[in-house]
Amino acid sequence: MTVSTDMVATWRAPRAALRRHLARGVSEPFAFTLLLVFLILTFIGQWPAAARDAYFANEPSAAPRILARALAVLATIPVWYALAALSRIVARALGGQGSWYSARVALFWALATVSPLMLLQGMVAGMMGPGPALWLVSTITGIAFLWLWLTMLHEAERG
């Protein structure tokens, strides 16, 4: 499946999507690629908000703000790996039978799957700014991510 088709399929059947990814075998480059999909789409989603901020600050270019957001997104890479490790530790304490790799794939694929909502969140932030619309989109994105991640983590830990 292509990434976009797989993302749509994941919304319908997240457990089956995770099983397909885990059936490929252990591949750290594959897992990291899933994280990169999320990071790239999240970074692109930040452009409208950076442009809006630059416009209201009377800056001639949004480039410095976009660069700062790129560095901030890249700085989150260790955080995502630590969160995957923490989820694995908690799952093991609760009797989980998965692996470190399956915990990473569950998290990274949940992030990649929710990344189109990050693009929407960025558009709302850039076009409407702070307010109820941005709060609503951010809340929906957060809930969707948690649902996908916890569902796939549960599947990954079933062993």
Protein backbone atom coordinates (compact mmCIF):
# COMPACT_ATOMS: atom_id res chain seq x y z
CA MET A 1 0.00 0.00 0.00
CA THR A 2 1.06 3.58 -0.52
CA VAL A 3 1.51 5.69 2.57
CA SER A 4 -1.63 7.76 1.92
CA THR A 5 -3.77 4.67 1.27
CA ASP A 6 -2.35 3.02 4.38
CA MET A 7 -3.15 6.12 6.45
CA VAL A 8 -6.79 6.00 5.35
CA ALA A 9 -6.94 2.26 6.04
CA THR A 10 -5.49 2.86 9.50
CA TRP A 11 -8.44 5.04 10.48
CA ARG A 12 -10.76 2.11 9.69
CA ALA A 13 -8.64 -0.68 11.17
CA PRO A 14 -5.64 0.55 13.19
CA ARG A 15 -4.83 -2.89 14.61
CA ALA A 16 -4.68 -4.51 11.17
CA ALA A 17 -2.52 -1.66 9.86
CA LEU A 18 -0.05 -2.11 12.71
CA ARG A 19 0.04 -5.88 12.15
CA ARG A 20 0.90 -5.26 8.47
CA HIS A 21 3.76 -2.96 9.46
CA LEU A 22 5.11 -5.37 12.05
CA ALA A 23 4.87 -8.29 9.59
CA ARG A 24 7.56 -6.57 7.49
CA GLY A 25 10.10 -7.56 10.10
CA VAL A 26 12.33 -5.36 12.23
CA SER A 27 13.66 -2.41 10.25
CA GLU A 28 14.86 0.66 12.09
CA PRO A 29 15.08 2.67 8.85
CA PHE A 30 11.39 1.91 8.24
CA ALA A 31 10.42 2.99 11.76
CA PHE A 32 12.45 6.18 11.46
CA THR A 33 10.84 6.88 8.08
CA LEU A 34 7.42 6.77 9.74
CA LEU A 35 8.62 9.35 12.25
CA LEU A 36 10.05 11.48 9.44
CA VAL A 37 6.70 11.48 7.63
CA PHE A 38 5.13 12.96 10.75
CA LEU A 39 7.94 15.47 11.29
CA ILE A 40 7.91 16.71 7.69
CA LEU A 41 4.14 17.11 7.53
CA THR A 42 4.07 18.77 10.95
CA PHE A 43 6.80 21.17 9.85
CA ILE A 44 4.90 22.06 6.68
CA GLY A 45 1.80 22.57 8.77
CA GLN A 46 3.67 25.20 10.79
CA TRP A 47 4.31 27.45 7.79
CA PRO A 48 0.95 29.29 7.79
CA ALA A 49 1.22 30.13 11.49
CA ALA A 50 4.82 31.30 11.03
CA ALA A 51 3.76 33.50 8.12
CA ARG A 52 0.88 34.93 10.17
CA ASP A 53 3.19 35.66 13.11
CA ALA A 54 5.71 37.35 10.82
CA TYR A 55 2.99 39.44 9.17
CA PHE A 56 1.60 40.70 12.47
CA ALA A 57 5.15 41.43 13.71
CA ASN A 58 5.78 43.53 10.56
CA GLU A 59 8.72 41.34 9.60
CA PRO A 60 9.74 41.34 5.91
CA SER A 61 10.07 37.55 5.76
CA ALA A 62 8.72 34.52 7.55
CA ALA A 63 11.91 32.57 6.81
CA PRO A 64 13.53 33.03 10.25
CA ARG A 65 10.35 31.89 11.97
CA ILE A 66 10.03 28.90 9.62
CA LEU A 67 13.66 27.94 10.26
CA ALA A 68 13.10 28.17 14.02
CA ARG A 69 10.09 25.87 13.71
CA ALA A 70 12.12 23.42 11.62
CA LEU A 71 14.77 23.22 14.32
CA ALA A 72 12.08 22.84 16.99
CA VAL A 73 10.48 19.95 15.10
CA LEU A 74 13.86 18.25 14.67
CA ALA A 75 14.59 18.69 18.36
CA THR A 76 11.56 16.53 19.19
CA ILE A 77 13.09 13.36 17.69
CA PRO A 78 14.64 12.18 20.99
CA VAL A 79 11.37 12.98 22.78
CA TRP A 80 9.42 10.62 20.49
CA TYR A 81 11.95 7.83 21.02
CA ALA A 82 11.81 8.39 24.79
CA LEU A 83 8.01 8.34 24.74
CA ALA A 84 8.04 5.05 22.83
CA ALA A 85 10.48 3.59 25.36
CA LEU A 86 8.40 4.84 28.28
CA SER A 87 5.26 3.32 26.77
CA ARG A 88 7.09 0.01 26.39
CA ILE A 89 8.23 0.09 30.03
CA VAL A 90 4.69 0.83 31.25
CA ALA A 91 3.22 -1.85 28.96
CA ARG A 92 5.75 -4.40 30.21
CA ALA A 93 4.88 -3.55 33.81
CA LEU A 94 1.23 -4.17 32.93
CA GLY A 95 2.02 -7.55 31.35
CA GLY A 96 2.66 -6.50 27.76
CA GLN A 97 4.35 -9.06 25.52
CA GLY A 98 5.53 -6.76 22.72
CA SER A 99 8.97 -5.48 21.87
CA TRP A 100 10.76 -2.15 21.90
CA TYR A 101 10.46 -2.06 18.12
CA SER A 102 6.71 -2.69 18.12
CA ALA A 103 6.23 0.13 20.65
CA ARG A 104 8.19 2.49 18.38
CA VAL A 105 6.24 1.49 15.29
CA ALA A 106 2.92 1.89 17.13
CA LEU A 107 3.84 5.42 18.21
CA PHE A 108 5.48 6.50 14.96
CA TRP A 109 2.67 5.14 12.79
CA ALA A 110 0.06 6.83 15.00
CA LEU A 111 1.97 10.09 14.57
CA ALA A 112 2.24 9.64 10.81
CA THR A 113 -1.44 8.78 10.52
CA VAL A 114 -2.52 11.87 12.43
CA SER A 115 -0.16 14.18 10.50
CA PRO A 116 -2.82 15.30 7.98
CA LEU A 117 -4.72 16.68 10.97
CA MET A 118 -1.53 18.54 11.90
CA LEU A 119 -1.68 20.17 8.46
CA LEU A 120 -5.28 21.20 9.14
CA GLN A 121 -4.29 22.52 12.55
CA GLY A 122 -1.55 24.59 10.92
CA MET A 123 -3.95 26.03 8.35
CA VAL A 124 -6.41 27.01 11.05
CA ALA A 125 -3.61 28.55 13.13
CA GLY A 126 -2.36 30.50 10.12
CA MET A 127 -5.69 31.68 8.75
CA MET A 128 -7.79 32.15 11.87
CA GLY A 129 -5.23 32.40 14.65
CA PRO A 130 -5.88 31.54 18.28
CA GLY A 131 -9.49 30.99 19.19
CA PRO A 132 -12.23 28.40 19.45
CA ALA A 133 -11.62 26.95 15.96
CA LEU A 134 -7.95 26.29 16.67
CA TRP A 135 -8.82 24.88 20.09
CA LEU A 136 -11.38 22.52 18.52
CA VAL A 137 -9.02 21.29 15.79
CA SER A 138 -6.18 20.86 18.30
CA THR A 139 -8.43 18.92 20.66
CA ILE A 140 -9.71 16.65 17.90
CA THR A 141 -6.14 16.06 16.70
CA GLY A 142 -4.95 15.20 20.21
CA ILE A 143 -7.83 12.83 20.89
CA ALA A 144 -7.39 11.16 17.50
CA PHE A 145 -3.68 10.67 18.14
CA LEU A 146 -4.25 9.20 21.60
CA TRP A 147 -6.94 6.83 20.30
CA LEU A 148 -4.75 5.61 17.43
CA TRP A 149 -1.62 5.30 19.54
CA LEU A 150 -3.22 3.49 22.46
CA THR A 151 -5.14 1.17 20.15
CA MET A 152 -2.00 0.27 18.21
CA LEU A 153 0.13 0.03 21.36
CA HIS A 154 -2.40 -2.42 22.81
CA GLU A 155 -2.12 -4.48 19.63
CA ALA A 156 1.69 -4.30 19.69
CA GLU A 157 1.81 -5.50 23.28
CA ARG A 158 -0.45 -8.48 22.73
CA GLY A 159 2.63 -10.36 21.60
